[in-house]
Amino acid sequence: MNPFILVTIKLLIGFFAMVIIINISGKGNLAPSSASDQIVNYVLGGIIGGVIYNDSIKIPNFIAILCIWCFLVLAMKWVKKHNVRAKQLIDGKALTIINDGKIVIENCKKAGLSAHDVAFKLRTNGIYSSKTVKRAVVEQNGQLIIIQSDEEDPKFPVITDGQVQHDILKVIGKDEKWLLDELKKQNVEKCSEVFLGEYVDHALILNTYE
């Protein structure tokens, strides 16, 4: 087969594979919200780019590799959706690095942030002293969410896809008993019935599957 035609065929296969994987795994991969989303994009691009100009890898093998990668992506997505601990292991979890004006050094170390990094992130948000910060949280994608002392708390996702976010409960100073009591008040029997539960203005707002 003509090398140019072979490269063209592989390129078309790679293009349609990217479209299919993005649509199956979710459009969130277009704007990665976690390290695993970024890795999925990088590896997929590496597979396609590395195979296109490699004549030793035939088209059937190329398709098989793409199918295996698609299966791995979907399996990881399913595990993350149904197991909070697995999701935290893969993506990490939100860490409070400043609480009531005090820097939580242990969490800074877990997030891989030095004192210089923390000071720099605060300055880029127009904040020049940690004492004015009510709470600062490093999200799974590395983004820093800052709540100043004179601000109201933003929305916190306490329940996502029927799973309790225990790290978020710690951030807002609540426990699972409080959460279960709030569910009963709103006639919801268990967390698995909730698609998204948000803590907004000191109240729990539930969006159930039904």
N, C-alpha and C. Protein backbone atom coordinates (compact mmCIF):
# COMPACT_ATOMS: atom_id res chain seq x y z
N MET A 1 0.84 -1.20 0.00
CA MET A 1 0.00 0.00 0.00
C MET A 1 0.88 1.25 0.00
N ASN A 2 0.46 2.24 -0.74
CA ASN A 2 1.18 3.50 -0.79
C ASN A 2 1.30 4.09 0.62
N PRO A 3 2.54 4.48 1.06
CA PRO A 3 2.73 5.01 2.43
C PRO A 3 1.83 6.20 2.73
N PHE A 4 1.61 7.07 1.76
CA PHE A 4 0.76 8.25 1.99
C PHE A 4 -0.69 7.83 2.27
N ILE A 5 -1.16 6.84 1.51
CA ILE A 5 -2.54 6.36 1.72
C ILE A 5 -2.66 5.69 3.09
N LEU A 6 -1.61 4.93 3.48
CA LEU A 6 -1.63 4.25 4.78
C LEU A 6 -1.70 5.26 5.93
N VAL A 7 -0.89 6.32 5.83
CA VAL A 7 -0.90 7.36 6.85
C VAL A 7 -2.26 8.05 6.90
N THR A 8 -2.84 8.30 5.73
CA THR A 8 -4.15 8.96 5.66
C THR A 8 -5.23 8.11 6.32
N ILE A 9 -5.20 6.80 6.05
CA ILE A 9 -6.19 5.89 6.64
C ILE A 9 -6.05 5.87 8.17
N LYS A 10 -4.80 5.77 8.64
CA LYS A 10 -4.56 5.76 10.08
C LYS A 10 -5.01 7.08 10.73
N LEU A 11 -4.76 8.17 10.02
CA LEU A 11 -5.16 9.47 10.54
C LEU A 11 -6.68 9.57 10.66
N LEU A 12 -7.39 9.08 9.65
CA LEU A 12 -8.85 9.09 9.70
C LEU A 12 -9.38 8.21 10.81
N ILE A 13 -8.76 7.02 10.97
CA ILE A 13 -9.18 6.12 12.05
C ILE A 13 -8.95 6.78 13.40
N GLY A 14 -7.78 7.42 13.55
CA GLY A 14 -7.47 8.11 14.80
C GLY A 14 -8.43 9.23 15.09
N PHE A 15 -8.79 9.98 14.05
CA PHE A 15 -9.72 11.10 14.22
C PHE A 15 -11.09 10.62 14.69
N PHE A 16 -11.62 9.59 14.02
CA PHE A 16 -12.94 9.08 14.40
C PHE A 16 -12.88 8.40 15.78
N ALA A 17 -11.74 7.79 16.11
CA ALA A 17 -11.59 7.17 17.42
C ALA A 17 -11.64 8.23 18.51
N MET A 18 -10.98 9.38 18.28
CA MET A 18 -11.01 10.47 19.26
C MET A 18 -12.44 10.98 19.46
N VAL A 19 -13.16 11.14 18.36
CA VAL A 19 -14.55 11.63 18.44
C VAL A 19 -15.41 10.65 19.24
N ILE A 20 -15.23 9.36 18.94
CA ILE A 20 -16.04 8.33 19.62
C ILE A 20 -15.71 8.27 21.11
N ILE A 21 -14.40 8.26 21.44
CA ILE A 21 -13.99 8.15 22.85
C ILE A 21 -14.45 9.37 23.64
N ILE A 22 -14.34 10.57 23.06
CA ILE A 22 -14.77 11.78 23.75
C ILE A 22 -16.27 11.75 24.01
N ASN A 23 -17.05 11.29 23.03
CA ASN A 23 -18.50 11.24 23.20
C ASN A 23 -18.93 10.15 24.18
N ILE A 24 -18.21 9.03 24.18
CA ILE A 24 -18.56 7.94 25.09
C ILE A 24 -18.14 8.26 26.52
N SER A 25 -16.94 8.79 26.68
CA SER A 25 -16.41 9.04 28.02
C SER A 25 -16.92 10.34 28.62
N GLY A 26 -17.46 11.22 27.79
CA GLY A 26 -18.00 12.47 28.31
C GLY A 26 -17.23 13.67 27.80
N LYS A 27 -17.97 14.77 27.59
CA LYS A 27 -17.36 15.98 27.05
C LYS A 27 -16.43 16.66 28.05
N GLY A 28 -16.44 16.18 29.30
CA GLY A 28 -15.57 16.77 30.31
C GLY A 28 -14.10 16.65 29.95
N ASN A 29 -13.76 15.65 29.11
CA ASN A 29 -12.37 15.47 28.71
C ASN A 29 -11.87 16.63 27.86
N LEU A 30 -12.79 17.41 27.27
CA LEU A 30 -12.38 18.55 26.46
C LEU A 30 -11.86 19.68 27.35
N ALA A 31 -12.33 19.72 28.59
CA ALA A 31 -11.85 20.69 29.57
C ALA A 31 -11.52 19.91 30.84
N PRO A 32 -10.37 19.27 30.88
CA PRO A 32 -10.02 18.35 31.97
C PRO A 32 -10.18 18.97 33.35
N SER A 33 -10.86 18.24 34.24
CA SER A 33 -11.06 18.71 35.60
C SER A 33 -10.21 17.94 36.60
N SER A 34 -9.43 16.98 36.09
CA SER A 34 -8.58 16.18 36.97
C SER A 34 -7.36 15.71 36.19
N ALA A 35 -6.38 15.20 36.94
CA ALA A 35 -5.16 14.70 36.32
C ALA A 35 -5.44 13.52 35.40
N SER A 36 -6.37 12.64 35.80
CA SER A 36 -6.66 11.46 34.98
C SER A 36 -7.27 11.84 33.64
N ASP A 37 -8.10 12.92 33.61
CA ASP A 37 -8.67 13.39 32.34
C ASP A 37 -7.57 13.86 31.40
N GLN A 38 -6.59 14.56 31.94
CA GLN A 38 -5.49 15.04 31.12
C GLN A 38 -4.65 13.88 30.60
N ILE A 39 -4.41 12.88 31.45
CA ILE A 39 -3.63 11.72 31.04
C ILE A 39 -4.32 10.98 29.91
N VAL A 40 -5.66 10.85 30.00
CA VAL A 40 -6.43 10.19 28.94
C VAL A 40 -6.19 10.89 27.60
N ASN A 41 -6.23 12.22 27.60
CA ASN A 41 -6.02 12.97 26.37
C ASN A 41 -4.59 12.83 25.87
N TYR A 42 -3.62 12.91 26.78
CA TYR A 42 -2.22 12.81 26.38
C TYR A 42 -1.90 11.45 25.77
N VAL A 43 -2.36 10.39 26.45
CA VAL A 43 -2.06 9.04 25.98
C VAL A 43 -2.73 8.76 24.65
N LEU A 44 -3.98 9.19 24.51
CA LEU A 44 -4.69 8.99 23.25
C LEU A 44 -3.96 9.69 22.10
N GLY A 45 -3.54 10.94 22.36
CA GLY A 45 -2.78 11.66 21.34
C GLY A 45 -1.47 10.98 21.03
N GLY A 46 -0.81 10.44 22.08
CA GLY A 46 0.45 9.73 21.87
C GLY A 46 0.28 8.46 21.06
N ILE A 47 -0.81 7.73 21.35
CA ILE A 47 -1.08 6.49 20.60
C ILE A 47 -1.27 6.80 19.12
N ILE A 48 -2.13 7.78 18.85
CA ILE A 48 -2.43 8.12 17.45
C ILE A 48 -1.20 8.68 16.75
N GLY A 49 -0.51 9.61 17.42
CA GLY A 49 0.67 10.22 16.80
C GLY A 49 1.80 9.24 16.60
N GLY A 50 1.98 8.32 17.56
CA GLY A 50 3.07 7.35 17.45
C GLY A 50 2.83 6.27 16.41
N VAL A 51 1.57 5.98 16.14
CA VAL A 51 1.24 4.89 15.21
C VAL A 51 1.17 5.37 13.76
N ILE A 52 0.74 6.60 13.56
CA ILE A 52 0.49 7.10 12.20
C ILE A 52 1.70 6.92 11.28
N TYR A 53 2.88 7.24 11.78
CA TYR A 53 4.08 7.19 10.93
C TYR A 53 4.92 5.93 11.15
N ASN A 54 4.36 4.98 11.87
CA ASN A 54 5.07 3.71 12.10
C ASN A 54 4.50 2.64 11.16
N ASP A 55 5.25 2.34 10.12
CA ASP A 55 4.77 1.38 9.12
C ASP A 55 4.68 -0.04 9.64
N SER A 56 5.41 -0.34 10.73
CA SER A 56 5.40 -1.72 11.25
C SER A 56 4.10 -2.06 11.97
N ILE A 57 3.33 -1.05 12.35
CA ILE A 57 2.05 -1.28 13.03
C ILE A 57 0.93 -1.21 12.00
N LYS A 58 0.30 -2.34 11.78
CA LYS A 58 -0.74 -2.43 10.77
C LYS A 58 -2.07 -1.87 11.28
N ILE A 59 -2.95 -1.64 10.33
CA ILE A 59 -4.25 -1.03 10.66
C ILE A 59 -5.06 -1.86 11.66
N PRO A 60 -5.16 -3.20 11.50
CA PRO A 60 -5.92 -3.99 12.48
C PRO A 60 -5.34 -3.87 13.90
N ASN A 61 -4.00 -3.84 13.99
CA ASN A 61 -3.36 -3.69 15.30
C ASN A 61 -3.66 -2.32 15.90
N PHE A 62 -3.66 -1.30 15.04
CA PHE A 62 -3.96 0.06 15.46
C PHE A 62 -5.38 0.14 16.03
N ILE A 63 -6.33 -0.47 15.34
CA ILE A 63 -7.73 -0.47 15.79
C ILE A 63 -7.86 -1.21 17.11
N ALA A 64 -7.13 -2.34 17.24
CA ALA A 64 -7.18 -3.12 18.48
C ALA A 64 -6.64 -2.31 19.66
N ILE A 65 -5.54 -1.58 19.44
CA ILE A 65 -4.96 -0.75 20.50
C ILE A 65 -5.95 0.32 20.94
N LEU A 66 -6.61 0.96 19.97
CA LEU A 66 -7.59 2.00 20.30
C LEU A 66 -8.77 1.42 21.08
N CYS A 67 -9.20 0.23 20.71
CA CYS A 67 -10.32 -0.42 21.42
C CYS A 67 -9.93 -0.74 22.86
N ILE A 68 -8.69 -1.22 23.06
CA ILE A 68 -8.22 -1.52 24.42
C ILE A 68 -8.17 -0.25 25.26
N TRP A 69 -7.65 0.83 24.67
CA TRP A 69 -7.57 2.10 25.41
C TRP A 69 -8.96 2.63 25.74
N CYS A 70 -9.90 2.51 24.81
CA CYS A 70 -11.28 2.94 25.05
C CYS A 70 -11.89 2.15 26.20
N PHE A 71 -11.64 0.84 26.23
CA PHE A 71 -12.14 0.00 27.32
C PHE A 71 -11.56 0.44 28.66
N LEU A 72 -10.25 0.73 28.69
CA LEU A 72 -9.61 1.15 29.93
C LEU A 72 -10.18 2.49 30.42
N VAL A 73 -10.42 3.41 29.49
CA VAL A 73 -10.98 4.72 29.85
C VAL A 73 -12.37 4.56 30.45
N LEU A 74 -13.21 3.75 29.82
CA LEU A 74 -14.57 3.54 30.31
C LEU A 74 -14.58 2.82 31.65
N ALA A 75 -13.65 1.85 31.81
CA ALA A 75 -13.56 1.12 33.08
C ALA A 75 -13.16 2.07 34.21
N MET A 76 -12.18 2.93 33.93
CA MET A 76 -11.75 3.89 34.95
C MET A 76 -12.87 4.86 35.29
N LYS A 77 -13.61 5.31 34.28
CA LYS A 77 -14.72 6.22 34.52
C LYS A 77 -15.79 5.56 35.38
N TRP A 78 -16.10 4.30 35.13
CA TRP A 78 -17.11 3.57 35.90
C TRP A 78 -16.66 3.41 37.35
N VAL A 79 -15.40 3.04 37.54
CA VAL A 79 -14.87 2.85 38.90
C VAL A 79 -14.91 4.16 39.67
N LYS A 80 -14.51 5.26 39.04
CA LYS A 80 -14.51 6.58 39.69
C LYS A 80 -15.92 7.01 40.07
N LYS A 81 -16.90 6.65 39.25
CA LYS A 81 -18.28 7.06 39.51
C LYS A 81 -18.89 6.29 40.66
N HIS A 82 -18.50 5.02 40.84
CA HIS A 82 -19.16 4.16 41.82
C HIS A 82 -18.33 3.92 43.08
N ASN A 83 -17.13 4.46 43.14
CA ASN A 83 -16.30 4.25 44.32
C ASN A 83 -15.55 5.53 44.65
N VAL A 84 -15.94 6.16 45.75
CA VAL A 84 -15.35 7.44 46.12
C VAL A 84 -13.86 7.29 46.43
N ARG A 85 -13.51 6.21 47.14
CA ARG A 85 -12.10 6.02 47.51
C ARG A 85 -11.23 5.83 46.27
N ALA A 86 -11.76 5.08 45.30
CA ALA A 86 -11.00 4.88 44.06
C ALA A 86 -10.83 6.20 43.32
N LYS A 87 -11.88 7.00 43.32
CA LYS A 87 -11.80 8.31 42.67
C LYS A 87 -10.76 9.19 43.34
N GLN A 88 -10.73 9.17 44.67
CA GLN A 88 -9.74 9.97 45.39
C GLN A 88 -8.33 9.45 45.14
N LEU A 89 -8.20 8.13 45.02
CA LEU A 89 -6.89 7.54 44.74
C LEU A 89 -6.40 7.94 43.36
N ILE A 90 -7.32 7.96 42.38
CA ILE A 90 -6.94 8.27 40.99
C ILE A 90 -6.77 9.77 40.79
N ASP A 91 -7.74 10.54 41.25
CA ASP A 91 -7.74 11.99 40.99
C ASP A 91 -7.19 12.83 42.14
N GLY A 92 -7.09 12.21 43.33
CA GLY A 92 -6.74 13.01 44.50
C GLY A 92 -8.01 13.60 45.10
N LYS A 93 -7.87 14.36 46.16
CA LYS A 93 -9.03 14.95 46.79
C LYS A 93 -8.75 16.40 47.17
N ALA A 94 -9.83 17.14 47.39
CA ALA A 94 -9.69 18.54 47.77
C ALA A 94 -9.03 18.65 49.14
N LEU A 95 -8.10 19.59 49.26
CA LEU A 95 -7.38 19.78 50.51
C LEU A 95 -7.51 21.23 50.97
N THR A 96 -7.85 21.39 52.25
CA THR A 96 -7.91 22.73 52.82
C THR A 96 -6.51 23.14 53.25
N ILE A 97 -5.95 24.18 52.64
CA ILE A 97 -4.58 24.59 52.98
C ILE A 97 -4.58 25.82 53.90
N ILE A 98 -5.71 26.52 53.97
CA ILE A 98 -5.85 27.63 54.92
C ILE A 98 -7.22 27.54 55.57
N ASN A 99 -7.26 27.57 56.88
CA ASN A 99 -8.52 27.48 57.61
C ASN A 99 -8.55 28.57 58.69
N ASP A 100 -9.50 29.51 58.55
CA ASP A 100 -9.63 30.63 59.49
C ASP A 100 -8.31 31.38 59.66
N GLY A 101 -7.66 31.66 58.53
CA GLY A 101 -6.45 32.47 58.55
C GLY A 101 -5.18 31.72 58.92
N LYS A 102 -5.29 30.43 59.23
CA LYS A 102 -4.13 29.64 59.61
C LYS A 102 -3.78 28.64 58.51
N ILE A 103 -2.52 28.63 58.10
CA ILE A 103 -2.07 27.72 57.05
C ILE A 103 -1.94 26.31 57.61
N VAL A 104 -2.56 25.35 56.91
CA VAL A 104 -2.47 23.94 57.30
C VAL A 104 -1.27 23.35 56.57
N ILE A 105 -0.13 23.33 57.24
CA ILE A 105 1.13 22.95 56.60
C ILE A 105 1.11 21.52 56.11
N GLU A 106 0.49 20.62 56.86
CA GLU A 106 0.43 19.20 56.47
C GLU A 106 -0.27 19.03 55.13
N ASN A 107 -1.39 19.74 54.92
CA ASN A 107 -2.11 19.65 53.66
C ASN A 107 -1.35 20.32 52.52
N CYS A 108 -0.60 21.37 52.84
CA CYS A 108 0.24 22.02 51.82
C CYS A 108 1.26 21.02 51.30
N LYS A 109 1.85 20.24 52.20
CA LYS A 109 2.83 19.23 51.80
C LYS A 109 2.18 18.15 50.94
N LYS A 110 0.95 17.73 51.34
CA LYS A 110 0.24 16.71 50.56
C LYS A 110 -0.06 17.20 49.15
N ALA A 111 -0.35 18.51 49.03
CA ALA A 111 -0.67 19.09 47.72
C ALA A 111 0.59 19.46 46.94
N GLY A 112 1.76 19.27 47.58
CA GLY A 112 3.01 19.58 46.90
C GLY A 112 3.26 21.07 46.78
N LEU A 113 2.74 21.86 47.73
CA LEU A 113 2.88 23.31 47.68
C LEU A 113 3.89 23.78 48.72
N SER A 114 4.86 24.57 48.28
CA SER A 114 5.80 25.18 49.20
C SER A 114 5.21 26.49 49.72
N ALA A 115 5.88 27.10 50.68
CA ALA A 115 5.41 28.39 51.20
C ALA A 115 5.39 29.43 50.09
N HIS A 116 6.40 29.37 49.21
CA HIS A 116 6.44 30.30 48.08
C HIS A 116 5.23 30.10 47.16
N ASP A 117 4.87 28.81 46.91
CA ASP A 117 3.73 28.51 46.04
C ASP A 117 2.43 29.06 46.62
N VAL A 118 2.24 28.87 47.93
CA VAL A 118 1.03 29.35 48.59
C VAL A 118 0.95 30.87 48.51
N ALA A 119 2.07 31.54 48.82
CA ALA A 119 2.09 33.00 48.78
C ALA A 119 1.84 33.52 47.36
N PHE A 120 2.41 32.81 46.37
CA PHE A 120 2.22 33.23 44.98
C PHE A 120 0.77 33.08 44.55
N LYS A 121 0.14 31.95 44.91
CA LYS A 121 -1.26 31.73 44.54
C LYS A 121 -2.17 32.76 45.20
N LEU A 122 -1.85 33.12 46.43
CA LEU A 122 -2.66 34.14 47.11
C LEU A 122 -2.50 35.49 46.41
N ARG A 123 -1.25 35.84 46.06
CA ARG A 123 -1.01 37.13 45.41
C ARG A 123 -1.71 37.22 44.06
N THR A 124 -1.73 36.10 43.32
CA THR A 124 -2.39 36.11 42.01
C THR A 124 -3.91 36.29 42.15
N ASN A 125 -4.41 36.06 43.35
CA ASN A 125 -5.85 36.29 43.62
C ASN A 125 -6.07 37.61 44.34
N GLY A 126 -5.03 38.44 44.38
CA GLY A 126 -5.17 39.76 45.00
C GLY A 126 -5.19 39.74 46.51
N ILE A 127 -4.63 38.68 47.11
CA ILE A 127 -4.61 38.54 48.57
C ILE A 127 -3.16 38.54 49.04
N TYR A 128 -2.85 39.36 50.02
CA TYR A 128 -1.46 39.53 50.44
C TYR A 128 -1.20 39.07 51.87
N SER A 129 -2.21 38.50 52.50
CA SER A 129 -2.02 37.95 53.84
C SER A 129 -2.98 36.79 54.05
N SER A 130 -2.46 35.68 54.57
CA SER A 130 -3.31 34.51 54.82
C SER A 130 -4.32 34.78 55.93
N LYS A 131 -4.07 35.80 56.74
CA LYS A 131 -4.97 36.12 57.86
C LYS A 131 -6.34 36.58 57.37
N THR A 132 -6.41 37.08 56.15
CA THR A 132 -7.69 37.56 55.62
C THR A 132 -8.49 36.45 54.94
N VAL A 133 -7.93 35.23 54.93
CA VAL A 133 -8.57 34.11 54.24
C VAL A 133 -9.35 33.25 55.24
N LYS A 134 -10.62 33.08 54.98
CA LYS A 134 -11.44 32.21 55.83
C LYS A 134 -11.14 30.75 55.52
N ARG A 135 -11.07 30.44 54.23
CA ARG A 135 -10.75 29.07 53.83
C ARG A 135 -10.18 29.08 52.42
N ALA A 136 -9.14 28.29 52.20
CA ALA A 136 -8.56 28.12 50.87
C ALA A 136 -8.44 26.62 50.60
N VAL A 137 -9.02 26.19 49.49
CA VAL A 137 -9.08 24.76 49.17
C VAL A 137 -8.43 24.50 47.82
N VAL A 138 -7.52 23.53 47.77
CA VAL A 138 -6.92 23.11 46.51
C VAL A 138 -7.77 21.99 45.93
N GLU A 139 -8.37 22.24 44.78
CA GLU A 139 -9.22 21.23 44.14
C GLU A 139 -8.36 20.15 43.47
N GLN A 140 -9.05 19.09 42.97
CA GLN A 140 -8.34 17.96 42.37
C GLN A 140 -7.51 18.35 41.15
N ASN A 141 -7.93 19.39 40.45
CA ASN A 141 -7.20 19.82 39.26
C ASN A 141 -6.12 20.86 39.57
N GLY A 142 -5.89 21.12 40.86
CA GLY A 142 -4.86 22.06 41.26
C GLY A 142 -5.34 23.48 41.42
N GLN A 143 -6.60 23.74 41.07
CA GLN A 143 -7.14 25.10 41.19
C GLN A 143 -7.36 25.45 42.66
N LEU A 144 -7.03 26.69 43.01
CA LEU A 144 -7.19 27.15 44.39
C LEU A 144 -8.48 27.95 44.53
N ILE A 145 -9.36 27.48 45.40
CA ILE A 145 -10.61 28.18 45.70
C ILE A 145 -10.44 28.91 47.03
N ILE A 146 -10.61 30.23 46.98
CA ILE A 146 -10.37 31.06 48.16
C ILE A 146 -11.65 31.72 48.63
N ILE A 147 -11.91 31.61 49.93
CA ILE A 147 -13.05 32.29 50.54
C ILE A 147 -12.49 33.26 51.59
N GLN A 148 -12.71 34.53 51.39
CA GLN A 148 -12.22 35.51 52.34
C GLN A 148 -13.18 35.67 53.51
N SER A 149 -12.69 36.27 54.56
CA SER A 149 -13.45 36.36 55.82
C SER A 149 -14.79 37.05 55.66
N ASP A 150 -14.87 38.00 54.73
CA ASP A 150 -16.11 38.75 54.56
C ASP A 150 -17.00 38.20 53.46
N GLU A 151 -16.70 36.98 53.00
CA GLU A 151 -17.48 36.37 51.92
C GLU A 151 -18.34 35.23 52.46
N GLU A 152 -19.44 34.97 51.73
CA GLU A 152 -20.27 33.81 52.04
C GLU A 152 -19.64 32.57 51.43
N ASP A 153 -19.93 31.42 52.03
CA ASP A 153 -19.42 30.16 51.48
C ASP A 153 -20.01 29.90 50.10
N PRO A 154 -19.20 29.43 49.15
CA PRO A 154 -19.74 29.07 47.84
C PRO A 154 -20.42 27.71 47.91
N LYS A 155 -20.86 27.23 46.77
CA LYS A 155 -21.50 25.91 46.73
C LYS A 155 -20.45 24.81 46.91
N PHE A 156 -20.76 23.86 47.80
CA PHE A 156 -19.88 22.72 48.01
C PHE A 156 -20.64 21.44 47.64
N PRO A 157 -20.10 20.61 46.76
CA PRO A 157 -20.77 19.35 46.39
C PRO A 157 -20.57 18.28 47.46
N VAL A 158 -21.56 18.11 48.31
CA VAL A 158 -21.46 17.16 49.41
C VAL A 158 -21.77 15.74 48.95
N ILE A 159 -22.69 15.61 48.00
CA ILE A 159 -23.03 14.31 47.41
C ILE A 159 -22.95 14.43 45.90
N THR A 160 -22.23 13.52 45.26
CA THR A 160 -22.15 13.49 43.79
C THR A 160 -22.36 12.06 43.31
N ASP A 161 -23.29 11.90 42.38
CA ASP A 161 -23.58 10.57 41.81
C ASP A 161 -23.91 9.55 42.90
N GLY A 162 -24.61 10.00 43.94
CA GLY A 162 -25.01 9.08 45.00
C GLY A 162 -23.93 8.74 46.00
N GLN A 163 -22.76 9.37 45.88
CA GLN A 163 -21.64 9.08 46.77
C GLN A 163 -21.35 10.28 47.68
N VAL A 164 -21.13 10.01 48.96
CA VAL A 164 -20.83 11.07 49.92
C VAL A 164 -19.37 11.52 49.76
N GLN A 165 -19.17 12.82 49.68
CA GLN A 165 -17.82 13.38 49.59
C GLN A 165 -17.36 13.74 51.01
N HIS A 166 -16.72 12.78 51.67
CA HIS A 166 -16.33 12.95 53.06
C HIS A 166 -15.33 14.09 53.24
N ASP A 167 -14.46 14.29 52.26
CA ASP A 167 -13.48 15.37 52.37
C ASP A 167 -14.16 16.74 52.36
N ILE A 168 -15.26 16.84 51.57
CA ILE A 168 -16.01 18.10 51.53
C ILE A 168 -16.74 18.33 52.85
N LEU A 169 -17.25 17.25 53.45
CA LEU A 169 -17.90 17.39 54.75
C LEU A 169 -16.93 17.98 55.78
N LYS A 170 -15.68 17.53 55.71
CA LYS A 170 -14.67 18.08 56.64
C LYS A 170 -14.43 19.56 56.36
N VAL A 171 -14.44 19.91 55.08
CA VAL A 171 -14.19 21.30 54.70
C VAL A 171 -15.26 22.23 55.29
N ILE A 172 -16.53 21.78 55.26
CA ILE A 172 -17.62 22.64 55.75
C ILE A 172 -17.90 22.41 57.23
N GLY A 173 -17.12 21.55 57.86
CA GLY A 173 -17.26 21.34 59.30
C GLY A 173 -18.47 20.52 59.69
N LYS A 174 -18.88 19.58 58.84
CA LYS A 174 -20.04 18.72 59.14
C LYS A 174 -19.60 17.26 59.17
N ASP A 175 -20.50 16.39 59.62
CA ASP A 175 -20.21 14.96 59.61
C ASP A 175 -21.34 14.20 58.92
N GLU A 176 -21.18 12.88 58.82
CA GLU A 176 -22.16 12.06 58.10
C GLU A 176 -23.50 12.01 58.84
N LYS A 177 -23.46 12.09 60.15
CA LYS A 177 -24.71 12.09 60.92
C LYS A 177 -25.55 13.32 60.55
N TRP A 178 -24.91 14.47 60.47
CA TRP A 178 -25.62 15.69 60.06
C TRP A 178 -26.22 15.50 58.67
N LEU A 179 -25.45 14.89 57.77
CA LEU A 179 -25.93 14.70 56.40
C LEU A 179 -27.15 13.79 56.36
N LEU A 180 -27.12 12.69 57.11
CA LEU A 180 -28.25 11.77 57.13
C LEU A 180 -29.50 12.42 57.73
N ASP A 181 -29.30 13.25 58.75
CA ASP A 181 -30.43 13.97 59.35
C ASP A 181 -31.05 14.93 58.34
N GLU A 182 -30.20 15.60 57.55
CA GLU A 182 -30.69 16.53 56.54
C GLU A 182 -31.45 15.79 55.44
N LEU A 183 -30.99 14.60 55.10
CA LEU A 183 -31.68 13.81 54.08
C LEU A 183 -33.08 13.44 54.56
N LYS A 184 -33.19 13.03 55.83
CA LYS A 184 -34.49 12.66 56.38
C LYS A 184 -35.45 13.83 56.39
N LYS A 185 -34.94 15.02 56.68
CA LYS A 185 -35.79 16.22 56.69
C LYS A 185 -36.40 16.48 55.32
N GLN A 186 -35.70 16.06 54.28
CA GLN A 186 -36.18 16.29 52.91
C GLN A 186 -36.77 15.02 52.29
N ASN A 187 -37.10 14.05 53.17
CA ASN A 187 -37.76 12.80 52.76
C ASN A 187 -36.94 12.00 51.75
N VAL A 188 -35.64 12.00 51.93
CA VAL A 188 -34.75 11.19 51.11
C VAL A 188 -34.14 10.12 52.02
N GLU A 189 -34.31 8.87 51.64
CA GLU A 189 -33.90 7.78 52.52
C GLU A 189 -32.40 7.54 52.54
N LYS A 190 -31.75 7.61 51.38
CA LYS A 190 -30.31 7.31 51.34
C LYS A 190 -29.60 8.16 50.29
N CYS A 191 -28.29 8.24 50.44
CA CYS A 191 -27.48 9.09 49.57
C CYS A 191 -27.49 8.63 48.12
N SER A 192 -27.68 7.34 47.90
CA SER A 192 -27.66 6.81 46.53
C SER A 192 -28.82 7.34 45.68
N GLU A 193 -29.83 7.94 46.34
CA GLU A 193 -30.95 8.52 45.60
C GLU A 193 -30.66 9.93 45.09
N VAL A 194 -29.50 10.47 45.51
CA VAL A 194 -29.18 11.87 45.20
C VAL A 194 -28.16 11.94 44.06
N PHE A 195 -28.51 12.68 43.03
CA PHE A 195 -27.58 12.92 41.92
C PHE A 195 -26.53 13.96 42.32
N LEU A 196 -27.00 15.06 42.90
CA LEU A 196 -26.10 16.11 43.37
C LEU A 196 -26.68 16.77 44.60
N GLY A 197 -25.91 16.79 45.67
CA GLY A 197 -26.30 17.47 46.89
C GLY A 197 -25.31 18.58 47.19
N GLU A 198 -25.79 19.82 47.27
CA GLU A 198 -24.91 20.97 47.45
C GLU A 198 -25.17 21.67 48.78
N TYR A 199 -24.10 22.12 49.38
CA TYR A 199 -24.19 22.90 50.62
C TYR A 199 -24.06 24.37 50.24
N VAL A 200 -25.18 25.08 50.32
CA VAL A 200 -25.22 26.48 49.88
C VAL A 200 -25.85 27.33 50.98
N ASP A 201 -25.15 28.37 51.38
CA ASP A 201 -25.67 29.29 52.41
C ASP A 201 -26.17 28.55 53.64
N HIS A 202 -25.34 27.61 54.12
CA HIS A 202 -25.62 26.85 55.35
C HIS A 202 -26.84 25.95 55.22
N ALA A 203 -27.19 25.58 54.01
CA ALA A 203 -28.34 24.67 53.79
C ALA A 203 -27.96 23.64 52.74
N LEU A 204 -28.58 22.47 52.85
CA LEU A 204 -28.33 21.39 51.90
C LEU A 204 -29.41 21.37 50.82
N ILE A 205 -28.99 21.51 49.57
CA ILE A 205 -29.91 21.48 48.43
C ILE A 205 -29.70 20.18 47.67
N LEU A 206 -30.77 19.40 47.53
CA LEU A 206 -30.67 18.07 46.93
C LEU A 206 -31.31 18.03 45.54
N ASN A 207 -30.62 17.36 44.64
CA ASN A 207 -31.16 17.07 43.30
C ASN A 207 -31.17 15.54 43.16
N THR A 208 -32.38 14.97 43.32
CA THR A 208 -32.48 13.52 43.30
C THR A 208 -32.64 12.99 41.87
N TYR A 209 -32.45 11.66 41.73
CA TYR A 209 -32.56 11.04 40.43
C TYR A 209 -34.00 11.07 39.91
N GLU A 210 -34.96 11.07 40.82
CA GLU A 210 -36.36 11.06 40.40
C GLU A 210 -36.92 12.46 40.33
